Amino acid sequence: LESDPAETKDLSDDAALAGVREDLYRQLVQWLLRVADDL
């Protein structure tokens, strides 16, 4: 979002960002667990 505020450059296959991608996957899973309904 800093270098590409228009969000036109997909970096999902960028090997240099593999660690970033995996960490965000982990964070997304945590959020999906959090929004599982308690009711």
Full PDB file with SEQRES, HELIX, SHEET, SSBOND, CRYST1, ORIGX, SCALE, CONECT and MASTER records, all heavy atoms in Angstrom:
SEQRES   1 A   39  LEU GLU SER ASP PRO ALA GLU THR LYS ASP LEU SER ASP          
SEQRES   2 A   39  ASP ALA ALA LEU ALA GLY VAL ARG GLU ASP LEU TYR ARG          
SEQRES   3 A   39  GLN LEU VAL GLN TRP LEU LEU ARG VAL ALA ASP ASP LEU          
HELIX    1 AA1 ALA A   15  LEU A   17  5                                   3    
HELIX    2 AA2 ALA A   18  ARG A   34  1                                  17    
CRYST1    1.000    1.000    1.000  90.00  90.00  90.00 P 1           1          
ORIGX1      1.000000  0.000000  0.000000        0.00000                         
ORIGX2      0.000000  1.000000  0.000000        0.00000                         
ORIGX3      0.000000  0.000000  1.000000        0.00000                         
SCALE1      1.000000  0.000000  0.000000        0.00000                         
SCALE2      0.000000  1.000000  0.000000        0.00000                         
SCALE3      0.000000  0.000000  1.000000        0.00000                         
ATOM      1  N   LEU A   1       0.805  -1.209   0.000  1.00  0.00           N  
ATOM      2  CA  LEU A   1       0.000   0.000   0.000  1.00  0.00           C  
ATOM      3  C   LEU A   1       0.842   1.266   0.000  1.00  0.00           C  
ATOM      4  O   LEU A   1       0.350   2.333  -0.379  1.00  0.00           O  
ATOM      5  CB  LEU A   1      -0.948  -0.004   1.208  1.00  0.00           C  
ATOM      6  CG  LEU A   1      -1.931  -1.167   1.256  1.00  0.00           C  
ATOM      7  CD1 LEU A   1      -2.746  -1.115   2.539  1.00  0.00           C  
ATOM      8  CD2 LEU A   1      -2.849  -1.164   0.037  1.00  0.00           C  
ATOM      9  N   GLU A   2       2.096   1.176   0.402  1.00  0.00           N  
ATOM     10  CA  GLU A   2       2.959   2.358   0.395  1.00  0.00           C  
ATOM     11  C   GLU A   2       3.489   2.654  -1.000  1.00  0.00           C  
ATOM     12  O   GLU A   2       3.447   3.799  -1.461  1.00  0.00           O  
ATOM     13  CB  GLU A   2       4.119   2.165   1.371  1.00  0.00           C  
ATOM     14  CG  GLU A   2       3.701   2.214   2.832  1.00  0.00           C  
ATOM     15  CD  GLU A   2       4.899   2.219   3.772  1.00  0.00           C  
ATOM     16  OE1 GLU A   2       6.045   2.382   3.293  1.00  0.00           O  
ATOM     17  OE2 GLU A   2       4.691   2.029   4.974  1.00  0.00           O  
ATOM     18  N   SER A   3       4.005   1.642  -1.680  1.00  0.00           N  
ATOM     19  CA  SER A   3       4.581   1.871  -3.004  1.00  0.00           C  
ATOM     20  C   SER A   3       3.541   1.808  -4.122  1.00  0.00           C  
ATOM     21  O   SER A   3       3.790   2.291  -5.230  1.00  0.00           O  
ATOM     22  CB  SER A   3       5.680   0.838  -3.282  1.00  0.00           C  
ATOM     23  OG  SER A   3       5.132  -0.471  -3.371  1.00  0.00           O  
ATOM     24  N   ASP A   4       2.371   1.261  -3.826  1.00  0.00           N  
ATOM     25  CA  ASP A   4       1.348   1.056  -4.845  1.00  0.00           C  
ATOM     26  C   ASP A   4      -0.027   1.401  -4.271  1.00  0.00           C  
ATOM     27  O   ASP A   4      -0.882   0.543  -4.077  1.00  0.00           O  
ATOM     28  CB  ASP A   4       1.380  -0.406  -5.324  1.00  0.00           C  
ATOM     29  CG  ASP A   4       0.304  -0.740  -6.343  1.00  0.00           C  
ATOM     30  OD1 ASP A   4      -0.111   0.160  -7.094  1.00  0.00           O  
ATOM     31  OD2 ASP A   4      -0.125  -1.914  -6.373  1.00  0.00           O  
ATOM     32  N   PRO A   5      -0.282   2.685  -3.976  1.00  0.00           N  
ATOM     33  CA  PRO A   5      -1.560   3.044  -3.361  1.00  0.00           C  
ATOM     34  C   PRO A   5      -2.769   2.773  -4.244  1.00  0.00           C  
ATOM     35  O   PRO A   5      -3.889   2.645  -3.738  1.00  0.00           O  
ATOM     36  CB  PRO A   5      -1.405   4.544  -3.075  1.00  0.00           C  
ATOM     37  CG  PRO A   5      -0.331   5.005  -3.995  1.00  0.00           C  
ATOM     38  CD  PRO A   5       0.601   3.843  -4.145  1.00  0.00           C  
ATOM     39  N   ALA A   6      -2.562   2.657  -5.559  1.00  0.00           N  
ATOM     40  CA  ALA A   6      -3.679   2.337  -6.456  1.00  0.00           C  
ATOM     41  C   ALA A   6      -4.012   0.853  -6.463  1.00  0.00           C  
ATOM     42  O   ALA A   6      -5.037   0.456  -7.032  1.00  0.00           O  
ATOM     43  CB  ALA A   6      -3.353   2.795  -7.874  1.00  0.00           C  
ATOM     44  N   GLU A   7      -3.163   0.048  -5.853  1.00  0.00           N  
ATOM     45  CA  GLU A   7      -3.375  -1.411  -5.777  1.00  0.00           C  
ATOM     46  C   GLU A   7      -3.541  -2.026  -7.171  1.00  0.00           C  
ATOM     47  O   GLU A   7      -4.469  -2.761  -7.448  1.00  0.00           O  
ATOM     48  CB  GLU A   7      -4.583  -1.727  -4.900  1.00  0.00           C  
ATOM     49  CG  GLU A   7      -4.432  -1.263  -3.461  1.00  0.00           C  
ATOM     50  CD  GLU A   7      -5.728  -1.309  -2.679  1.00  0.00           C  
ATOM     51  OE1 GLU A   7      -6.080  -2.407  -2.192  1.00  0.00           O  
ATOM     52  OE2 GLU A   7      -6.378  -0.254  -2.564  1.00  0.00           O  
ATOM     53  N   THR A   8      -2.581  -1.744  -8.027  1.00  0.00           N  
ATOM     54  CA  THR A   8      -2.604  -2.279  -9.388  1.00  0.00           C  
ATOM     55  C   THR A   8      -1.476  -3.270  -9.648  1.00  0.00           C  
ATOM     56  O   THR A   8      -1.386  -3.816 -10.751  1.00  0.00           O  
ATOM     57  CB  THR A   8      -2.506  -1.133 -10.412  1.00  0.00           C  
ATOM     58  OG1 THR A   8      -1.297  -0.404 -10.191  1.00  0.00           O  
ATOM     59  CG2 THR A   8      -3.697  -0.187 -10.297  1.00  0.00           C  
ATOM     60  N   LYS A   9      -0.606  -3.505  -8.653  1.00  0.00           N  
ATOM     61  CA  LYS A   9       0.538  -4.405  -8.853  1.00  0.00           C  
ATOM     62  C   LYS A   9       0.437  -5.562  -7.873  1.00  0.00           C  
ATOM     63  O   LYS A   9       0.811  -5.450  -6.699  1.00  0.00           O  
ATOM     64  CB  LYS A   9       1.852  -3.642  -8.653  1.00  0.00           C  
ATOM     65  CG  LYS A   9       2.028  -2.476  -9.613  1.00  0.00           C  
ATOM     66  CD  LYS A   9       3.249  -1.639  -9.269  1.00  0.00           C  
ATOM     67  CE  LYS A   9       3.348  -0.420 -10.176  1.00  0.00           C  
ATOM     68  NZ  LYS A   9       4.475   0.473  -9.787  1.00  0.00           N  
ATOM     69  N   ASP A  10      -0.072  -6.664  -8.338  1.00  0.00           N  
ATOM     70  CA  ASP A  10      -0.231  -7.847  -7.492  1.00  0.00           C  
ATOM     71  C   ASP A  10       1.130  -8.488  -7.240  1.00  0.00           C  
ATOM     72  O   ASP A  10       1.849  -8.853  -8.179  1.00  0.00           O  
ATOM     73  CB  ASP A  10      -1.172  -8.840  -8.175  1.00  0.00           C  
ATOM     74  CG  ASP A  10      -1.291 -10.144  -7.425  1.00  0.00           C  
ATOM     75  OD1 ASP A  10      -1.052 -10.157  -6.202  1.00  0.00           O  
ATOM     76  OD2 ASP A  10      -1.619 -11.159  -8.068  1.00  0.00           O  
ATOM     77  N   LEU A  11       1.493  -8.641  -5.961  1.00  0.00           N  
ATOM     78  CA  LEU A  11       2.795  -9.187  -5.573  1.00  0.00           C  
ATOM     79  C   LEU A  11       2.685 -10.580  -4.972  1.00  0.00           C  
ATOM     80  O   LEU A  11       3.614 -11.061  -4.329  1.00  0.00           O  
ATOM     81  CB  LEU A  11       3.447  -8.246  -4.549  1.00  0.00           C  
ATOM     82  CG  LEU A  11       3.631  -6.793  -4.988  1.00  0.00           C  
ATOM     83  CD1 LEU A  11       4.139  -5.948  -3.827  1.00  0.00           C  
ATOM     84  CD2 LEU A  11       4.573  -6.704  -6.180  1.00  0.00           C  
ATOM     85  N   SER A  12       1.544 -11.230  -5.200  1.00  0.00           N  
ATOM     86  CA  SER A  12       1.322 -12.516  -4.534  1.00  0.00           C  
ATOM     87  C   SER A  12       2.300 -13.593  -4.981  1.00  0.00           C  
ATOM     88  O   SER A  12       2.527 -14.568  -4.249  1.00  0.00           O  
ATOM     89  CB  SER A  12      -0.119 -12.991  -4.756  1.00  0.00           C  
ATOM     90  OG  SER A  12      -0.398 -13.116  -6.134  1.00  0.00           O  
ATOM     91  N   ASP A  13       2.882 -13.442  -6.169  1.00  0.00           N  
ATOM     92  CA  ASP A  13       3.851 -14.428  -6.655  1.00  0.00           C  
ATOM     93  C   ASP A  13       5.299 -13.961  -6.510  1.00  0.00           C  
ATOM     94  O   ASP A  13       6.215 -14.623  -7.020  1.00  0.00           O  
ATOM     95  CB  ASP A  13       3.573 -14.757  -8.127  1.00  0.00           C  
ATOM     96  CG  ASP A  13       2.279 -15.533  -8.309  1.00  0.00           C  
ATOM     97  OD1 ASP A  13       1.920 -16.285  -7.383  1.00  0.00           O  
ATOM     98  OD2 ASP A  13       1.629 -15.367  -9.357  1.00  0.00           O  
ATOM     99  N   ASP A  14       5.506 -12.858  -5.827  1.00  0.00           N  
ATOM    100  CA  ASP A  14       6.852 -12.326  -5.649  1.00  0.00           C  
ATOM    101  C   ASP A  14       7.584 -13.148  -4.587  1.00  0.00           C  
ATOM    102  O   ASP A  14       7.231 -13.137  -3.405  1.00  0.00           O  
ATOM    103  CB  ASP A  14       6.765 -10.864  -5.221  1.00  0.00           C  
ATOM    104  CG  ASP A  14       8.113 -10.162  -5.206  1.00  0.00           C  
ATOM    105  OD1 ASP A  14       9.142 -10.840  -5.022  1.00  0.00           O  
ATOM    106  OD2 ASP A  14       8.145  -8.928  -5.371  1.00  0.00           O  
ATOM    107  N   ALA A  15       8.615 -13.869  -4.993  1.00  0.00           N  
ATOM    108  CA  ALA A  15       9.341 -14.750  -4.071  1.00  0.00           C  
ATOM    109  C   ALA A  15       9.957 -13.975  -2.917  1.00  0.00           C  
ATOM    110  O   ALA A  15      10.077 -14.500  -1.801  1.00  0.00           O  
ATOM    111  CB  ALA A  15      10.424 -15.520  -4.834  1.00  0.00           C  
ATOM    112  N   ALA A  16      10.330 -12.734  -3.169  1.00  0.00           N  
ATOM    113  CA  ALA A  16      10.952 -11.935  -2.114  1.00  0.00           C  
ATOM    114  C   ALA A  16       9.970 -11.601  -0.992  1.00  0.00           C  
ATOM    115  O   ALA A  16      10.382 -11.240   0.111  1.00  0.00           O  
ATOM    116  CB  ALA A  16      11.523 -10.650  -2.710  1.00  0.00           C  
ATOM    117  N   LEU A  17       8.683 -11.715  -1.275  1.00  0.00           N  
ATOM    118  CA  LEU A  17       7.660 -11.388  -0.276  1.00  0.00           C  
ATOM    119  C   LEU A  17       6.942 -12.633   0.238  1.00  0.00           C  
ATOM    120  O   LEU A  17       5.862 -12.530   0.825  1.00  0.00           O  
ATOM    121  CB  LEU A  17       6.650 -10.403  -0.873  1.00  0.00           C  
ATOM    122  CG  LEU A  17       7.197  -9.017  -1.213  1.00  0.00           C  
ATOM    123  CD1 LEU A  17       6.126  -8.175  -1.897  1.00  0.00           C  
ATOM    124  CD2 LEU A  17       7.698  -8.313   0.045  1.00  0.00           C  
ATOM    125  N   ALA A  18       7.557 -13.793   0.039  1.00  0.00           N  
ATOM    126  CA  ALA A  18       6.915 -15.040   0.477  1.00  0.00           C  
ATOM    127  C   ALA A  18       6.648 -15.016   1.983  1.00  0.00           C  
ATOM    128  O   ALA A  18       5.589 -15.468   2.454  1.00  0.00           O  
ATOM    129  CB  ALA A  18       7.775 -16.240   0.104  1.00  0.00           C  
ATOM    130  N   GLY A  19       7.578 -14.482   2.750  1.00  0.00           N  
ATOM    131  CA  GLY A  19       7.386 -14.419   4.196  1.00  0.00           C  
ATOM    132  C   GLY A  19       6.252 -13.502   4.581  1.00  0.00           C  
ATOM    133  O   GLY A  19       5.466 -13.801   5.497  1.00  0.00           O  
ATOM    134  N   VAL A  20       6.156 -12.361   3.893  1.00  0.00           N  
ATOM    135  CA  VAL A  20       5.054 -11.429   4.147  1.00  0.00           C  
ATOM    136  C   VAL A  20       3.727 -12.095   3.835  1.00  0.00           C  
ATOM    137  O   VAL A  20       2.757 -12.010   4.609  1.00  0.00           O  
ATOM    138  CB  VAL A  20       5.226 -10.152   3.303  1.00  0.00           C  
ATOM    139  CG1 VAL A  20       3.969  -9.279   3.367  1.00  0.00           C  
ATOM    140  CG2 VAL A  20       6.449  -9.372   3.758  1.00  0.00           C  
ATOM    141  N   ARG A  21       3.684 -12.766   2.690  1.00  0.00           N  
ATOM    142  CA  ARG A  21       2.444 -13.435   2.279  1.00  0.00           C  
ATOM    143  C   ARG A  21       2.030 -14.497   3.293  1.00  0.00           C  
ATOM    144  O   ARG A  21       0.855 -14.564   3.701  1.00  0.00           O  
ATOM    145  CB  ARG A  21       2.624 -14.063   0.895  1.00  0.00           C  
ATOM    146  CG  ARG A  21       1.352 -14.685   0.332  1.00  0.00           C  
ATOM    147  CD  ARG A  21       1.584 -15.222  -1.069  1.00  0.00           C  
ATOM    148  NE  ARG A  21       2.576 -16.287  -1.084  1.00  0.00           N  
ATOM    149  CZ  ARG A  21       3.768 -16.200  -1.653  1.00  0.00           C  
ATOM    150  NH1 ARG A  21       4.142 -15.083  -2.250  1.00  0.00           N  
ATOM    151  NH2 ARG A  21       4.612 -17.229  -1.629  1.00  0.00           N  
ATOM    152  N   GLU A  22       2.957 -15.292   3.750  1.00  0.00           N  
ATOM    153  CA  GLU A  22       2.623 -16.356   4.690  1.00  0.00           C  
ATOM    154  C   GLU A  22       2.185 -15.787   6.038  1.00  0.00           C  
ATOM    155  O   GLU A  22       1.263 -16.318   6.674  1.00  0.00           O  
ATOM    156  CB  GLU A  22       3.830 -17.285   4.875  1.00  0.00           C  
ATOM    157  CG  GLU A  22       4.187 -18.090   3.639  1.00  0.00           C  
ATOM    158  CD  GLU A  22       2.985 -18.835   3.068  1.00  0.00           C  
ATOM    159  OE1 GLU A  22       2.292 -19.517   3.857  1.00  0.00           O  
ATOM    160  OE2 GLU A  22       2.734 -18.718   1.851  1.00  0.00           O  
ATOM    161  N   ASP A  23       2.807 -14.703   6.464  1.00  0.00           N  
ATOM    162  CA  ASP A  23       2.394 -14.095   7.729  1.00  0.00           C  
ATOM    163  C   ASP A  23       0.984 -13.535   7.630  1.00  0.00           C  
ATOM    164  O   ASP A  23       0.182 -13.683   8.567  1.00  0.00           O  
ATOM    165  CB  ASP A  23       3.372 -12.991   8.126  1.00  0.00           C  
ATOM    166  CG  ASP A  23       3.012 -12.375   9.466  1.00  0.00           C  
ATOM    167  OD1 ASP A  23       3.027 -13.104  10.479  1.00  0.00           O  
ATOM    168  OD2 ASP A  23       2.692 -11.173   9.513  1.00  0.00           O  
ATOM    169  N   LEU A  24       0.648 -12.914   6.492  1.00  0.00           N  
ATOM    170  CA  LEU A  24      -0.707 -12.394   6.337  1.00  0.00           C  
ATOM    171  C   LEU A  24      -1.725 -13.516   6.232  1.00  0.00           C  
ATOM    172  O   LEU A  24      -2.859 -13.376   6.723  1.00  0.00           O  
ATOM    173  CB  LEU A  24      -0.784 -11.471   5.123  1.00  0.00           C  
ATOM    174  CG  LEU A  24      -0.098 -10.115   5.298  1.00  0.00           C  
ATOM    175  CD1 LEU A  24      -0.139  -9.325   3.998  1.00  0.00           C  
ATOM    176  CD2 LEU A  24      -0.760  -9.314   6.414  1.00  0.00           C  
ATOM    177  N   TYR A  25      -1.342 -14.626   5.606  1.00  0.00           N  
ATOM    178  CA  TYR A  25      -2.241 -15.798   5.612  1.00  0.00           C  
ATOM    179  C   TYR A  25      -2.525 -16.235   7.052  1.00  0.00           C  
ATOM    180  O   TYR A  25      -3.675 -16.523   7.420  1.00  0.00           O  
ATOM    181  CB  TYR A  25      -1.605 -16.964   4.856  1.00  0.00           C  
ATOM    182  CG  TYR A  25      -1.933 -17.031   3.390  1.00  0.00           C  
ATOM    183  CD1 TYR A  25      -0.922 -17.072   2.431  1.00  0.00           C  
ATOM    184  CD2 TYR A  25      -3.244 -17.080   2.945  1.00  0.00           C  
ATOM    185  CE1 TYR A  25      -1.197 -17.150   1.079  1.00  0.00           C  
ATOM    186  CE2 TYR A  25      -3.541 -17.162   1.591  1.00  0.00           C  
ATOM    187  CZ  TYR A  25      -2.514 -17.197   0.664  1.00  0.00           C  
ATOM    188  OH  TYR A  25      -2.803 -17.278  -0.672  1.00  0.00           O  
ATOM    189  N   ARG A  26      -1.490 -16.271   7.861  1.00  0.00           N  
ATOM    190  CA  ARG A  26      -1.666 -16.678   9.262  1.00  0.00           C  
ATOM    191  C   ARG A  26      -2.571 -15.694   9.998  1.00  0.00           C  
ATOM    192  O   ARG A  26      -3.463 -16.105  10.751  1.00  0.00           O  
ATOM    193  CB  ARG A  26      -0.295 -16.761   9.946  1.00  0.00           C  
ATOM    194  CG  ARG A  26      -0.359 -17.221  11.400  1.00  0.00           C  
ATOM    195  CD  ARG A  26       1.030 -17.294  12.014  1.00  0.00           C  
ATOM    196  NE  ARG A  26       1.678 -15.988  12.051  1.00  0.00           N  
ATOM    197  CZ  ARG A  26       1.443 -15.080  13.000  1.00  0.00           C  
ATOM    198  NH1 ARG A  26       0.576 -15.337  13.971  1.00  0.00           N  
ATOM    199  NH2 ARG A  26       2.077 -13.919  12.976  1.00  0.00           N  
ATOM    200  N   GLN A  27      -2.359 -14.403   9.752  1.00  0.00           N  
ATOM    201  CA  GLN A  27      -3.200 -13.394  10.387  1.00  0.00           C  
ATOM    202  C   GLN A  27      -4.647 -13.496   9.914  1.00  0.00           C  
ATOM    203  O   GLN A  27      -5.594 -13.330  10.705  1.00  0.00           O  
ATOM    204  CB  GLN A  27      -2.656 -11.991  10.090  1.00  0.00           C  
ATOM    205  CG  GLN A  27      -1.259 -11.728  10.597  1.00  0.00           C  
ATOM    206  CD  GLN A  27      -1.199 -11.565  12.103  1.00  0.00           C  
ATOM    207  OE1 GLN A  27      -2.224 -11.511  12.770  1.00  0.00           O  
ATOM    208  NE2 GLN A  27       0.006 -11.496  12.651  1.00  0.00           N  
ATOM    209  N   LEU A  28      -4.831 -13.794   8.631  1.00  0.00           N  
ATOM    210  CA  LEU A  28      -6.187 -13.945   8.114  1.00  0.00           C  
ATOM    211  C   LEU A  28      -6.895 -15.126   8.770  1.00  0.00           C  
ATOM    212  O   LEU A  28      -8.080 -15.027   9.133  1.00  0.00           O  
ATOM    213  CB  LEU A  28      -6.155 -14.116   6.590  1.00  0.00           C  
ATOM    214  CG  LEU A  28      -7.515 -14.310   5.911  1.00  0.00           C  
ATOM    215  CD1 LEU A  28      -8.443 -13.135   6.190  1.00  0.00           C  
ATOM    216  CD2 LEU A  28      -7.334 -14.506   4.405  1.00  0.00           C  
ATOM    217  N   VAL A  29      -6.181 -16.220   8.938  1.00  0.00           N  
ATOM    218  CA  VAL A  29      -6.783 -17.379   9.621  1.00  0.00           C  
ATOM    219  C   VAL A  29      -7.182 -17.009  11.043  1.00  0.00           C  
ATOM    220  O   VAL A  29      -8.256 -17.385  11.528  1.00  0.00           O  
ATOM    221  CB  VAL A  29      -5.814 -18.579   9.611  1.00  0.00           C  
ATOM    222  CG1 VAL A  29      -6.325 -19.691  10.519  1.00  0.00           C  
ATOM    223  CG2 VAL A  29      -5.636 -19.101   8.186  1.00  0.00           C  
ATOM    224  N   GLN A  30      -6.333 -16.245  11.734  1.00  0.00           N  
ATOM    225  CA  GLN A  30      -6.684 -15.809  13.092  1.00  0.00           C  
ATOM    226  C   GLN A  30      -7.960 -14.976  13.088  1.00  0.00           C  
ATOM    227  O   GLN A  30      -8.817 -15.136  13.966  1.00  0.00           O  
ATOM    228  CB  GLN A  30      -5.526 -15.004  13.698  1.00  0.00           C  
ATOM    229  CG  GLN A  30      -4.321 -15.832  14.086  1.00  0.00           C  
ATOM    230  CD  GLN A  30      -4.659 -16.840  15.175  1.00  0.00           C  
ATOM    231  OE1 GLN A  30      -4.749 -18.033  14.929  1.00  0.00           O  
ATOM    232  NE2 GLN A  30      -4.861 -16.346  16.390  1.00  0.00           N  
ATOM    233  N   TRP A  31      -8.092 -14.089  12.119  1.00  0.00           N  
ATOM    234  CA  TRP A  31      -9.302 -13.290  12.035  1.00  0.00           C  
ATOM    235  C   TRP A  31     -10.517 -14.166  11.718  1.00  0.00           C  
ATOM    236  O   TRP A  31     -11.614 -13.955  12.259  1.00  0.00           O  
ATOM    237  CB  TRP A  31      -9.149 -12.194  10.986  1.00  0.00           C  
ATOM    238  CG  TRP A  31      -8.544 -10.946  11.535  1.00  0.00           C  
ATOM    239  CD1 TRP A  31      -7.264 -10.493  11.381  1.00  0.00           C  
ATOM    240  CD2 TRP A  31      -9.203  -9.981  12.365  1.00  0.00           C  
ATOM    241  NE1 TRP A  31      -7.082  -9.311  12.051  1.00  0.00           N  
ATOM    242  CE2 TRP A  31      -8.254  -8.964  12.662  1.00  0.00           C  
ATOM    243  CE3 TRP A  31     -10.492  -9.862  12.875  1.00  0.00           C  
ATOM    244  CZ2 TRP A  31      -8.579  -7.858  13.451  1.00  0.00           C  
ATOM    245  CZ3 TRP A  31     -10.810  -8.762  13.665  1.00  0.00           C  
ATOM    246  CH2 TRP A  31      -9.864  -7.782  13.946  1.00  0.00           C  
ATOM    247  N   LEU A  32     -10.355 -15.130  10.829  1.00  0.00           N  
ATOM    248  CA  LEU A  32     -11.482 -16.001  10.506  1.00  0.00           C  
ATOM    249  C   LEU A  32     -11.936 -16.795  11.727  1.00  0.00           C  
ATOM    250  O   LEU A  32     -13.140 -17.045  11.900  1.00  0.00           O  
ATOM    251  CB  LEU A  32     -11.105 -16.939   9.358  1.00  0.00           C  
ATOM    252  CG  LEU A  32     -10.895 -16.248   8.004  1.00  0.00           C  
ATOM    253  CD1 LEU A  32     -10.342 -17.240   6.982  1.00  0.00           C  
ATOM    254  CD2 LEU A  32     -12.205 -15.636   7.497  1.00  0.00           C  
ATOM    255  N   LEU A  33     -10.980 -17.168  12.585  1.00  0.00           N  
ATOM    256  CA  LEU A  33     -11.356 -17.823  13.832  1.00  0.00           C  
ATOM    257  C   LEU A  33     -12.069 -16.840  14.756  1.00  0.00           C  
ATOM    258  O   LEU A  33     -13.043 -17.206  15.427  1.00  0.00           O  
ATOM    259  CB  LEU A  33     -10.110 -18.393  14.521  1.00  0.00           C  
ATOM    260  CG  LEU A  33      -9.406 -19.548  13.810  1.00  0.00           C  
ATOM    261  CD1 LEU A  33      -8.097 -19.881  14.517  1.00  0.00           C  
ATOM    262  CD2 LEU A  33     -10.310 -20.776  13.749  1.00  0.00           C  
ATOM    263  N   ARG A  34     -11.601 -15.612  14.770  1.00  0.00           N  
ATOM    264  CA  ARG A  34     -12.203 -14.615  15.659  1.00  0.00           C  
ATOM    265  C   ARG A  34     -13.643 -14.304  15.262  1.00  0.00           C  
ATOM    266  O   ARG A  34     -14.502 -14.083  16.130  1.00  0.00           O  
ATOM    267  CB  ARG A  34     -11.371 -13.339  15.646  1.00  0.00           C  
ATOM    268  CG  ARG A  34     -11.888 -12.272  16.604  1.00  0.00           C  
ATOM    269  CD  ARG A  34     -10.918 -11.114  16.739  1.00  0.00           C  
ATOM    270  NE  ARG A  34     -11.318 -10.229  17.829  1.00  0.00           N  
ATOM    271  CZ  ARG A  34     -10.487  -9.501  18.540  1.00  0.00           C  
ATOM    272  NH1 ARG A  34      -9.183  -9.540  18.283  1.00  0.00           N  
ATOM    273  NH2 ARG A  34     -10.921  -8.717  19.512  1.00  0.00           N  
ATOM    274  N   VAL A  35     -13.925 -14.237  13.980  1.00  0.00           N  
ATOM    275  CA  VAL A  35     -15.270 -13.857  13.555  1.00  0.00           C  
ATOM    276  C   VAL A  35     -16.208 -15.055  13.427  1.00  0.00           C  
ATOM    277  O   VAL A  35     -17.366 -14.889  13.028  1.00  0.00           O  
ATOM    278  CB  VAL A  35     -15.239 -13.064  12.232  1.00  0.00           C  
ATOM    279  CG1 VAL A  35     -14.378 -11.831  12.380  1.00  0.00           C  
ATOM    280  CG2 VAL A  35     -14.761 -13.920  11.067  1.00  0.00           C  
ATOM    281  N   ALA A  36     -15.732 -16.259  13.781  1.00  0.00           N  
ATOM    282  CA  ALA A  36     -16.662 -17.379  13.917  1.00  0.00           C  
ATOM    283  C   ALA A  36     -17.643 -17.018  15.033  1.00  0.00           C  
ATOM    284  O   ALA A  36     -17.243 -16.568  16.106  1.00  0.00           O  
ATOM    285  CB  ALA A  36     -15.912 -18.662  14.249  1.00  0.00           C  
ATOM    286  N   ASP A  37     -18.938 -17.214  14.816  1.00  0.00           N  
ATOM    287  CA  ASP A  37     -19.945 -16.644  15.694  1.00  0.00           C  
ATOM    288  C   ASP A  37     -20.024 -17.362  17.037  1.00  0.00           C  
ATOM    289  O   ASP A  37     -20.157 -18.585  17.095  1.00  0.00           O  
ATOM    290  CB  ASP A  37     -21.303 -16.683  14.998  1.00  0.00           C  
ATOM    291  CG  ASP A  37     -22.306 -15.758  15.650  1.00  0.00           C  
ATOM    292  OD1 ASP A  37     -21.953 -15.097  16.628  1.00  0.00           O  
ATOM    293  OD2 ASP A  37     -23.450 -15.693  15.152  1.00  0.00           O  
ATOM    294  N   ASP A  38     -19.989 -16.583  18.141  1.00  0.00           N  
ATOM    295  CA  ASP A  38     -20.154 -17.128  19.486  1.00  0.00           C  
ATOM    296  C   ASP A  38     -21.621 -17.349  19.846  1.00  0.00           C  
ATOM    297  O   ASP A  38     -21.914 -17.943  20.890  1.00  0.00           O  
ATOM    298  CB  ASP A  38     -19.553 -16.172  20.522  1.00  0.00           C  
ATOM    299  CG  ASP A  38     -18.047 -16.027  20.386  1.00  0.00           C  
ATOM    300  OD1 ASP A  38     -17.417 -16.945  19.834  1.00  0.00           O  
ATOM    301  OD2 ASP A  38     -17.519 -14.994  20.834  1.00  0.00           O  
ATOM    302  N   LEU A  39     -22.533 -16.844  19.021  1.00  0.00           N  
ATOM    303  CA  LEU A  39     -23.962 -16.961  19.315  1.00  0.00           C  
ATOM    304  C   LEU A  39     -24.571 -18.142  18.572  1.00  0.00           C  
ATOM    305  O   LEU A  39     -24.091 -18.523  17.513  1.00  0.00           O  
ATOM    306  CB  LEU A  39     -24.681 -15.670  18.917  1.00  0.00           C  
ATOM    307  CG  LEU A  39     -24.237 -14.400  19.634  1.00  0.00           C  
ATOM    308  CD1 LEU A  39     -25.011 -13.201  19.085  1.00  0.00           C  
ATOM    309  CD2 LEU A  39     -24.416 -14.504  21.138  1.00  0.00           C  
TER     310      LEU A  39                                                      
MASTER        0    0    0    2    0    0    0    6  309    1    0    3          
END                                                                             
